[in-house]
Protein backbone atom coordinates (compact mmCIF):
# COMPACT_ATOMS: atom_id res chain seq x y z
CA MET A 1 94.62 107.19 65.01
CA ILE A 2 96.14 106.74 68.57
CA PHE A 3 96.86 110.37 69.16
CA GLU A 4 94.12 112.58 67.73
CA TYR A 5 94.25 116.33 69.04
CA SER A 6 90.49 116.02 70.28
CA THR A 7 91.38 113.40 72.66
CA HIS A 8 94.97 114.37 73.63
CA PRO A 9 95.29 118.22 73.37
CA GLY A 10 97.63 118.59 76.25
CA ILE A 11 100.27 116.49 74.48
CA TRP A 12 100.04 118.41 71.25
CA ARG A 13 99.79 121.53 72.97
CA GLY A 14 103.15 120.52 75.03
CA ALA A 15 104.77 119.40 71.72
CA VAL A 16 104.13 122.66 70.24
CA LEU A 17 104.86 124.97 73.19
CA ALA A 18 107.92 123.52 74.51
CA PRO A 19 109.94 123.99 71.22
CA LEU A 20 108.56 127.61 71.01
CA ALA A 21 109.65 128.35 74.59
CA LEU A 22 113.02 126.86 74.04
CA ALA A 23 113.78 128.89 70.97
CA TRP A 24 112.78 132.02 72.95
CA VAL A 25 115.11 131.15 75.75
CA ILE A 26 117.96 130.37 73.05
CA PHE A 27 117.13 133.83 71.56
CA LEU A 28 117.48 135.45 74.95
CA VAL A 29 120.55 133.84 75.81
CA ARG A 30 122.07 134.87 72.57
CA VAL A 31 121.25 138.39 73.38
CA VAL A 32 122.06 138.50 76.96
CA GLY A 33 125.37 136.53 76.63
CA LEU A 34 126.57 133.27 77.97
CA ARG A 35 126.47 134.56 81.64
CA ALA A 36 122.42 134.01 81.45
CA PHE A 37 123.45 130.50 82.59
CA SER A 38 126.69 131.00 84.59
CA LYS A 39 126.96 130.00 88.28
CA MET A 40 129.24 132.90 88.94
CA THR A 41 127.10 134.31 91.83
CA GLY A 42 124.37 132.95 93.69
CA PHE A 43 121.94 135.25 91.89
CA ASP A 44 123.07 133.93 88.57
CA PHE A 45 122.42 130.16 89.85
CA VAL A 46 119.01 131.35 90.97
CA VAL A 47 118.18 133.02 87.53
CA THR A 48 119.18 129.66 85.94
CA VAL A 49 117.06 127.60 88.27
CA ALA A 50 114.10 130.05 87.81
CA THR A 51 114.64 129.83 83.85
CA GLY A 52 114.42 126.20 83.72
CA SER A 53 111.21 126.29 86.01
CA LEU A 54 109.66 128.93 83.70
CA LEU A 55 110.44 127.05 80.69
CA ALA A 56 108.75 123.94 82.13
CA GLY A 57 105.72 126.28 82.84
CA ALA A 58 105.35 127.59 79.47
CA ALA A 59 105.69 124.11 77.95
CA GLN A 60 102.93 123.07 80.08
CA ALA A 61 100.84 126.08 79.68
CA THR A 62 97.17 125.37 79.06
CA ASP A 63 96.58 128.57 77.27
CA TRP A 64 98.17 131.21 75.30
CA ASN A 65 98.19 133.95 78.17
CA GLY A 66 100.27 131.23 80.36
CA PHE A 67 102.57 130.47 77.78
CA VAL A 68 103.31 134.40 77.06
CA GLN A 69 103.45 135.23 80.93
CA SER A 70 105.93 132.52 81.31
CA CYS A 71 108.00 133.87 78.27
CA ALA A 72 107.89 137.32 79.59
CA ALA A 73 108.93 136.32 83.08
CA VAL A 74 112.08 134.61 81.50
CA THR A 75 112.68 137.91 79.97
CA ALA A 76 112.22 139.94 82.93
CA LEU A 77 114.56 137.72 84.73
CA LEU A 78 117.27 137.45 82.37
CA GLY A 79 117.02 141.39 81.82
CA VAL A 80 117.24 141.99 85.71
CA GLN A 81 120.48 139.69 85.78
CA LEU A 82 122.02 141.79 82.85
CA ALA A 83 121.16 145.13 84.61
CA LEU A 84 122.74 143.59 87.78
CA ALA A 85 125.90 142.41 86.19
CA PHE A 86 126.64 145.80 84.74
CA ALA A 87 125.74 147.42 88.02
CA ARG A 88 128.04 145.06 89.80
CA ARG A 89 131.03 146.10 87.57
CA ARG A 90 130.20 149.67 88.08
CA PHE A 91 129.17 150.18 91.76
CA ILE A 92 131.12 148.39 94.56
CA ALA A 93 128.11 148.51 96.90
CA VAL A 94 125.87 146.70 94.52
CA SER A 95 128.40 143.99 94.15
CA ALA A 96 128.98 143.73 98.04
CA LEU A 97 124.88 143.52 98.52
CA ILE A 98 124.56 140.89 95.91
CA ASP A 99 127.58 138.75 96.04
CA ASN A 100 129.06 136.34 98.49
CA GLU A 101 132.64 136.46 99.25
CA PRO A 102 134.78 133.07 98.68
CA VAL A 103 136.06 131.71 101.68
CA LEU A 104 139.30 129.83 102.19
CA ILE A 105 138.62 126.56 103.92
CA MET A 106 142.11 124.73 103.57
CA GLU A 107 145.42 126.06 103.36
CA ASN A 108 148.61 124.48 102.89
CA GLY A 109 147.50 120.92 103.72
CA VAL A 110 145.68 121.98 106.86
CA ILE A 111 141.96 122.07 106.84
CA LEU A 112 140.49 125.02 108.63
CA ASP A 113 137.79 123.74 110.72
CA ALA A 114 136.62 127.22 111.94
CA ALA A 115 136.06 128.19 108.43
CA LEU A 116 133.97 124.84 107.70
CA ALA A 117 131.90 125.54 110.55
CA HIS A 118 131.39 129.18 109.54
CA THR A 119 130.39 128.03 106.19
CA ARG A 120 128.48 124.82 107.34
CA VAL A 121 130.78 122.54 105.02
CA ALA A 122 131.16 119.06 106.23
CA ARG A 123 134.59 117.89 106.54
CA SER A 124 133.32 114.82 104.53
CA ASP A 125 132.18 117.13 101.75
CA LEU A 126 135.73 118.87 101.68
CA LEU A 127 137.29 115.62 101.37
CA ALA A 128 134.95 114.56 98.37
CA LYS A 129 136.08 117.65 96.55
CA LEU A 130 139.68 116.92 97.28
CA ARG A 131 139.27 113.65 95.62
CA GLU A 132 137.28 114.90 92.55
CA ALA A 133 140.24 117.33 92.14
CA ASN A 134 142.82 114.58 92.02
CA ALA A 135 144.31 115.55 95.14
CA LEU A 136 146.61 112.58 96.03
CA ASN A 137 147.82 114.00 99.41
CA PRO A 138 146.28 116.89 101.63
CA ASN A 139 149.63 118.25 102.08
CA SER A 140 150.07 118.97 98.39
CA VAL A 141 146.85 121.32 98.63
CA LYS A 142 147.99 124.64 98.74
CA SER A 143 144.30 126.09 99.23
CA ALA A 144 140.68 125.13 98.93
CA VAL A 145 138.18 127.89 98.38
CA LEU A 146 134.58 127.80 98.97
CA GLU A 147 133.29 129.60 96.06
CA THR A 148 130.42 132.16 95.80
CA THR A 149 128.34 129.50 93.73
CA GLY A 150 128.82 126.94 96.56
CA ASP A 151 131.44 125.07 94.65
CA VAL A 152 134.82 124.26 96.06
CA SER A 153 137.94 124.96 94.20
CA VAL A 154 141.20 123.09 95.00
CA LEU A 155 144.42 124.77 94.11
CA HIS A 156 147.56 122.13 94.35
CA GLY A 157 150.76 121.97 92.86
CA ASP A 158 154.16 123.80 93.93
CA ASP A 159 153.63 127.35 92.36
CA VAL A 160 150.04 128.85 93.04
CA ASP A 161 150.07 132.34 92.25
CA PRO A 162 148.79 134.60 95.07
CA ILE A 163 146.70 136.32 92.84
CA LEU A 164 144.19 133.47 92.73
CA LEU A 165 143.26 134.21 96.03
CA GLU A 166 142.51 137.81 95.71
CA GLY A 167 139.17 138.63 97.52
CA VAL A 168 139.01 135.31 99.17
CA ARG A 169 138.11 135.75 102.93
CA ARG A 170 140.00 134.24 105.64
CA ILE A 171 138.07 133.18 108.95
């Protein structure tokens, strides 16, 4: 037999531990909710990346303790994320401490160079995002916003409701 456990224990261990760790993460996401893998804030993004790294660590664990430690770390991260989500909704100070503010980087067809410099976004990156958003003419872009996640939202069209720019900082 090509793959005997005694000659390839790491392969078999990974084949067993990876699905177990994945099942644990799926269970936690069902408990915590879909926010577990959202990119709503920078903190959410970091938790998502860290969860992936810990999942890989659990799959590659060389012993049971390493596997349990990785699963416990995922549980703790998602627990902190859940607690902070509740705290952010209840306490403005927590929200202000954790969340970045979205920043307006283009308005009414005009690229705001000072905002690009402040946010360290290259003009070429903004233009790429405009193309991705199917903006055919810069003059049709009402607003472009650098979101808290680092994504750029492009609002174009005739009637953009001002509520969509609520909480967006102007530089």
